[in-house]
Amino acid sequence: MNAAYEKLLGGRSGLTGLLILGVLLLVIFPLGLDIFRLNLVGKYLSYAFVAVGLVLCWGYGGILSLGQGVFFGVGGYCMAMFLKLEASDPISTKIQSTPGIPDFMDWNQITSLPAMWQPFHSFSFTVLAVLAVPTLLALIIGMAMFKRRVGDVYFSIVTQAIAAILSILIIGQQGLTGGVNGITDLKTLMGWDIRTDSAKVILYFVNAGLLFACILFGRYILTSKLGRLLMAMRDKEERVRFSGYDVASFKVFVFCVAAMLSAIGGAMFTLQVGFMSPSFVGIVPSIEMVIYAAVGGRMSLLGAVYGTLLVNFGKTYFSETFPELWLFLMGGLFIAVVMYFPNGLAGVYEKQGKRLMEKLSRKKAVPPEPVKPKAATKADPAEVHIDGANLEASK
């Protein structure tokens, strides 16, 4: 029980952090925000899955991936394919030239459903694909790179190139993917209308619950022997390799885990927002996702969630209030964080928390003031007389 308490919850401090985040996401936001804003927060939380994966991959593993939008987009497209097939039943698409296929396929003169779309009629297969396809893609990339000891900035450039390639490929294959518009007009999930207000609230709580599950899974990895090895590889990779460990395999593993978490976020994004497009796959969104982890603190799983919320809240507020200046304000926010808070929000929290604990410990360590002896008072003459009489009687 104590081992699970330490590994999953992170001890007393970790449990406190989880409770604070839980109250914020599960109580304050649902009670204090309207449906539109709550759905926006749900969209932000789907990005937080990517940031949590980057904490494992970049913060502890030392692997800076600038292509996490690839896995986010693949997971989102897998879910969007299932939802689009459900929305493209023969009755709903009877005005098309070929009823029963997605509308963008009909526009591109495709007369039958492609073979790669056929399995996505099954929801079970879709869930499996959301988890397996991005993980398999990350496995191929990781084996090709890490087994050849390609790392540091070279790996970052390669992942960035993969993000650009996949984005171009999706746009080019308009008949299969919807092109630049993506897959839109998603309506139901197994007959359940996901466009209603009640559905958006339910999806928000499901999204938050899955995010907490991913955080606990990440903590379990970091508090295990594997987590210690990841930190050792980040700081002294050659020493770990000379100790007999297969460094490449550990890197591949943590990269695959980060890809799987990103894909879960992409699938939840599709359910929350109702579409998926290549604009979430390319270089720019991938770099933004790295910024979420950097602002929150690349060594903190909870900090990554707060960083994602802060950056996206700032983006929404600045774009609504200062539509002509919001890009400059966002840039100023990032520069300020890098200059004054290099460890992100988590570093600020830890620093201030240590100061508070030191103050409390100093107060407890202050010894109590010594009790001063009571000043002697002048004796009453009557008392002296009585004492003298008693003394004579005793003689």
Foldseek 3Di string as FASTA:
>chain_A
DVVLCCQQQVPPVSVVLVVVVCCVQPPCDVVPDDLVVLLVLLLLLLLLLLLLLLLLQCVLQVADALFLLQLLQQLLQLLLLLLQQVCQAQVNQVVAPAGRDGPQLSVVVNRDDDPVSVVSVDPVVSVVCLQPVLLVVLLVLLCVAVVVPHGDVRNRVVSQVVLAVVLVVLQVPCNNAVHQVGRADRADDVNHGLPDSVNLVVLSVVSVVVLSVLSSVSSNCLPDPLVVVSNCCNVPVVVSVVVPDDSSVSSSVSSSSSSSSSSVSSNSSCSSVGGHGSVSRHSVVSVVSVLLNQQQFSNDSSSSSVSSVVLSVLLVVCCVPPVPCSVVVSVVVSVCCVVPPRRHPVSVVVVVVVVVVVVVVVVVPDDDDDDDDDDDDDDDVVVVVVVVVVVVVVD
